[in-house]
Amino acid sequence: MTGFTSGIDEAGRGPLIGPLVICAAAIKKGDEGKLKEIGVKDSKLLTEKQREEILKSLTGLIHYELVMIQPSEIDEAVTSETTNLNWLEANHGAALLNKLDAKLDNDVVESIIDCPSTNIDAYKNYFQERVDNKDIKLIVEHKADFNYLIVGAASIIAKVAREKELEKLRKKFKLDFGSGYPADPKTKKFADENWNNSKISHLFRKSWETYRKIATRGNQKNLSEF
């Protein structure tokens, strides 16, 4: 078999804090079995240590490109009247696929995409319009990270990259904000105490309902004190 199969997935779509990371990974067709040998699966089914070990084994076996989308860009998409988070993800995913395909001499023959939208056909059409190489066959599915090893590999790379970025932020600002997810009590407490801290406000996704509720409550409290 000739050509490459690529997989596209993200990490950090739902958190209140930190970036959304998208990865496009590619492997030579026929080599997918090697991913199973090193333990690749959906990153959510692996521990942090397992993900990091697998990532080491992926070196030399796959090619990949990734992007970190910061909270400000996410907020812009979520609050926009002309786009949304799904289209933002598709725009970046297609750009990564274009970059990866160019790096591999336009030899990517198919790309499997984990679909964030409930409308798979609309998402696929939108994505397809933004792919330069129209010969690439797009497979767009829900749970692709669970069902396809190359998408699982992309999910692992994205997850490890996001975790490293969060650790960098914790050290830089000397903070402990937990996992960054709204359901995490530590994250919620951190947001309650720091939502209007100008030094770190860029870490929050201000369009998230959790943040908006905290900010509204905080502003009301400030007004009552005034």
Protein backbone atom coordinates (compact mmCIF):
# COMPACT_ATOMS: atom_id res chain seq x y z
CA MET A 1 0.00 0.00 0.00
CA THR A 2 1.17 3.49 -0.75
CA GLY A 3 0.32 6.84 0.70
CA PHE A 4 -0.55 8.00 4.20
CA THR A 5 -3.61 7.80 6.38
CA SER A 6 -4.14 10.76 8.67
CA GLY A 7 -6.23 11.24 11.78
CA ILE A 8 -7.42 14.50 13.34
CA ASP A 9 -8.55 14.99 16.93
CA GLU A 10 -8.52 17.55 19.74
CA ALA A 11 -7.94 17.84 23.46
CA GLY A 12 -9.41 20.50 25.71
CA ARG A 13 -12.67 21.39 23.98
CA GLY A 14 -14.64 21.68 27.21
CA PRO A 15 -12.33 23.24 29.86
CA LEU A 16 -12.81 26.67 31.38
CA ILE A 17 -9.05 27.27 31.48
CA GLY A 18 -6.32 26.95 28.87
CA PRO A 19 -6.06 26.21 25.15
CA LEU A 20 -7.87 23.85 22.83
CA VAL A 21 -5.24 21.69 21.10
CA ILE A 22 -5.85 20.08 17.71
CA CYS A 23 -3.54 17.51 16.13
CA ALA A 24 -3.33 16.00 12.66
CA ALA A 25 -1.20 12.84 12.59
CA ALA A 26 -0.30 10.60 9.63
CA ILE A 27 1.12 7.11 9.19
CA LYS A 28 2.00 5.07 6.12
CA LYS A 29 -0.90 2.93 4.99
CA GLY A 30 -0.35 -0.63 6.13
CA ASP A 31 1.59 0.43 9.23
CA GLU A 32 -1.47 1.08 11.40
CA GLY A 33 -0.94 -2.25 13.18
CA LYS A 34 2.26 -0.85 14.69
CA LEU A 35 0.15 1.68 16.58
CA LYS A 36 -1.72 -1.15 18.29
CA GLU A 37 1.57 -2.80 19.23
CA ILE A 38 2.70 0.26 21.19
CA GLY A 39 -0.63 0.59 22.97
CA VAL A 40 -2.32 3.42 21.08
CA LYS A 41 -5.98 3.97 21.89
CA ASP A 42 -8.30 6.87 22.66
CA SER A 43 -6.32 9.15 25.02
CA LYS A 44 -9.24 9.21 27.49
CA LEU A 45 -8.65 5.49 28.15
CA LEU A 46 -5.00 6.02 29.13
CA THR A 47 -3.26 7.43 32.18
CA GLU A 48 -0.99 10.45 31.91
CA LYS A 49 2.06 8.21 32.27
CA GLN A 50 0.83 5.82 29.56
CA ARG A 51 0.20 8.70 27.16
CA GLU A 52 3.70 10.06 27.65
CA GLU A 53 5.29 6.63 27.14
CA ILE A 54 3.29 6.01 23.97
CA LEU A 55 4.21 9.45 22.65
CA LYS A 56 7.91 8.51 22.89
CA SER A 57 7.21 5.36 20.85
CA LEU A 58 5.34 7.36 18.20
CA THR A 59 8.51 9.29 17.33
CA GLY A 60 9.73 8.15 13.94
CA LEU A 61 6.56 6.18 13.27
CA ILE A 62 4.22 9.05 12.47
CA HIS A 63 4.27 12.63 11.21
CA TYR A 64 2.11 15.27 12.83
CA GLU A 65 1.16 18.93 13.06
CA LEU A 66 -0.64 20.61 15.94
CA VAL A 67 -2.07 23.96 16.94
CA MET A 68 -2.96 25.55 20.28
CA ILE A 69 -6.05 27.73 20.13
CA GLN A 70 -6.06 30.25 22.96
CA PRO A 71 -9.16 31.20 25.03
CA SER A 72 -9.49 34.61 23.32
CA GLU A 73 -9.90 32.99 19.89
CA ILE A 74 -12.34 30.45 21.31
CA ASP A 75 -14.40 33.24 22.91
CA GLU A 76 -14.43 35.14 19.63
CA ALA A 77 -15.84 32.11 17.79
CA VAL A 78 -18.40 31.24 20.47
CA THR A 79 -19.79 34.78 20.66
CA SER A 80 -19.69 35.41 16.91
CA GLU A 81 -22.86 35.64 14.82
CA THR A 82 -21.14 34.12 11.78
CA THR A 83 -19.14 31.21 13.17
CA ASN A 84 -18.97 28.86 16.18
CA LEU A 85 -16.67 26.45 17.98
CA ASN A 86 -17.29 23.62 15.49
CA TRP A 87 -16.33 25.80 12.50
CA LEU A 88 -13.28 27.07 14.38
CA GLU A 89 -12.19 23.48 14.93
CA ALA A 90 -12.82 22.62 11.27
CA ASN A 91 -10.85 25.66 10.05
CA HIS A 92 -7.82 24.71 12.11
CA GLY A 93 -8.17 20.99 11.39
CA ALA A 94 -8.22 21.57 7.65
CA ALA A 95 -5.24 23.94 7.89
CA LEU A 96 -3.28 21.26 9.79
CA LEU A 97 -4.19 18.63 7.19
CA ASN A 98 -3.05 20.95 4.38
CA LYS A 99 0.25 21.53 6.17
CA LEU A 100 0.77 17.83 6.85
CA ASP A 101 -0.11 16.81 3.29
CA ALA A 102 2.31 19.38 1.86
CA LYS A 103 5.05 18.07 4.16
CA LEU A 104 4.37 14.53 2.89
CA ASP A 105 4.54 15.54 -0.79
CA ASN A 106 0.74 15.48 -1.19
CA ASP A 107 0.72 11.77 -0.40
CA VAL A 108 -2.08 11.73 2.19
CA VAL A 109 -4.80 9.58 0.62
CA GLU A 110 -7.37 9.63 3.43
CA SER A 111 -8.04 11.58 6.60
CA ILE A 112 -10.21 10.37 9.47
CA ILE A 113 -11.73 13.17 11.53
CA ASP A 114 -13.33 12.95 14.95
CA CYS A 115 -16.49 15.00 14.43
CA PRO A 116 -17.50 17.49 17.15
CA SER A 117 -20.80 18.36 15.45
CA THR A 118 -24.13 16.54 15.65
CA ASN A 119 -24.51 17.22 11.91
CA ILE A 120 -21.78 15.06 10.38
CA ASP A 121 -22.65 15.86 6.74
CA ALA A 122 -22.56 19.63 7.28
CA TYR A 123 -19.26 19.38 9.15
CA LYS A 124 -17.73 17.17 6.46
CA ASN A 125 -18.81 19.54 3.67
CA TYR A 126 -17.46 22.58 5.53
CA PHE A 127 -14.17 20.78 6.20
CA GLN A 128 -13.89 19.50 2.61
CA GLU A 129 -14.17 23.03 1.20
CA ARG A 130 -11.06 24.01 3.16
CA VAL A 131 -8.85 21.07 2.15
CA ASP A 132 -6.42 21.94 -0.66
CA ASN A 133 -5.90 18.41 -1.95
CA LYS A 134 -9.33 17.30 -3.17
CA ASP A 135 -8.02 13.76 -3.75
CA ILE A 136 -7.91 13.15 0.01
CA LYS A 137 -10.83 10.96 1.06
CA LEU A 138 -12.44 12.34 4.22
CA ILE A 139 -13.94 9.98 6.80
CA VAL A 140 -15.85 12.02 9.38
CA GLU A 141 -17.32 10.15 12.34
CA HIS A 142 -18.24 10.42 15.98
CA LYS A 143 -15.93 8.47 18.34
CA ALA A 144 -13.25 8.22 15.63
CA ASP A 145 -10.61 8.46 18.39
CA PHE A 146 -12.01 5.23 19.80
CA ASN A 147 -12.50 3.44 16.48
CA TYR A 148 -9.33 4.36 14.53
CA LEU A 149 -5.78 4.00 15.83
CA ILE A 150 -4.36 6.98 13.91
CA VAL A 151 -7.05 9.24 15.40
CA GLY A 152 -6.23 7.78 18.81
CA ALA A 153 -2.59 8.71 18.19
CA ALA A 154 -3.63 12.28 17.33
CA SER A 155 -5.71 12.43 20.51
CA ILE A 156 -2.71 11.32 22.59
CA ILE A 157 -0.41 13.94 21.05
CA ALA A 158 -3.00 16.68 21.57
CA LYS A 159 -3.69 15.63 25.17
CA VAL A 160 -0.01 15.49 26.16
CA ALA A 161 0.62 18.87 24.50
CA ARG A 162 -2.27 20.45 26.43
CA GLU A 163 -1.15 18.93 29.73
CA LYS A 164 2.37 20.26 29.21
CA GLU A 165 1.00 23.71 28.39
CA LEU A 166 -1.11 23.72 31.57
CA GLU A 167 1.90 22.70 33.62
CA LYS A 168 3.86 25.55 32.06
CA LEU A 169 1.10 28.00 33.03
CA ARG A 170 0.97 26.65 36.58
CA LYS A 171 4.70 27.21 36.99
CA LYS A 172 4.79 30.58 35.25
CA PHE A 173 1.99 32.11 37.31
CA LYS A 174 2.52 29.92 40.42
CA LEU A 175 -1.09 28.76 40.31
CA ASP A 176 -3.04 25.64 41.17
CA PHE A 177 -6.23 25.64 39.14
CA GLY A 178 -6.81 21.88 39.02
CA SER A 179 -7.68 20.22 35.73
CA GLY A 180 -9.18 23.36 34.19
CA TYR A 181 -12.59 21.72 33.74
CA PRO A 182 -15.70 23.45 35.18
CA ALA A 183 -16.76 20.28 37.03
CA ASP A 184 -13.47 20.21 38.99
CA PRO A 185 -14.10 21.81 42.44
CA LYS A 186 -10.53 23.13 42.50
CA THR A 187 -11.00 24.82 39.10
CA LYS A 188 -14.36 26.25 40.19
CA LYS A 189 -12.86 27.65 43.41
CA PHE A 190 -9.94 29.13 41.46
CA ALA A 191 -12.33 30.82 39.01
CA ASP A 192 -14.45 32.19 41.88
CA GLU A 193 -11.37 33.80 43.40
CA ASN A 194 -9.58 34.94 40.24
CA TRP A 195 -12.17 35.67 37.53
CA ASN A 196 -11.33 39.40 37.55
CA ASN A 197 -7.58 39.11 38.12
CA SER A 198 -6.20 41.09 35.16
CA LYS A 199 -2.83 39.30 35.28
CA ILE A 200 -4.36 35.92 34.47
CA SER A 201 -7.73 36.77 32.92
CA HIS A 202 -6.42 35.58 29.53
CA LEU A 203 -6.38 32.01 30.86
CA PHE A 204 -10.19 31.88 31.13
CA ARG A 205 -12.73 31.16 28.42
CA LYS A 206 -15.01 34.05 29.23
CA SER A 207 -17.79 32.85 26.94
CA TRP A 208 -18.25 29.72 29.07
CA GLU A 209 -21.42 29.69 31.17
CA THR A 210 -19.44 28.91 34.33
CA TYR A 211 -17.33 32.04 33.90
CA ARG A 212 -20.29 34.24 32.96
CA LYS A 213 -22.22 33.19 36.06
CA ILE A 214 -19.22 33.87 38.31
CA ALA A 215 -18.57 37.25 36.67
CA THR A 216 -22.24 38.28 36.92
CA ARG A 217 -22.35 37.31 40.58
CA GLY A 218 -19.07 39.11 41.24
CA ASN A 219 -20.21 42.29 39.49
CA GLN A 220 -23.51 42.28 41.39
CA LYS A 221 -21.59 41.94 44.65
CA ASN A 222 -19.33 44.83 43.70
CA LEU A 223 -22.34 47.02 42.88
CA SER A 224 -24.06 46.20 46.18
CA GLU A 225 -20.88 47.08 48.07
CA PHE A 226 -20.64 50.34 46.14
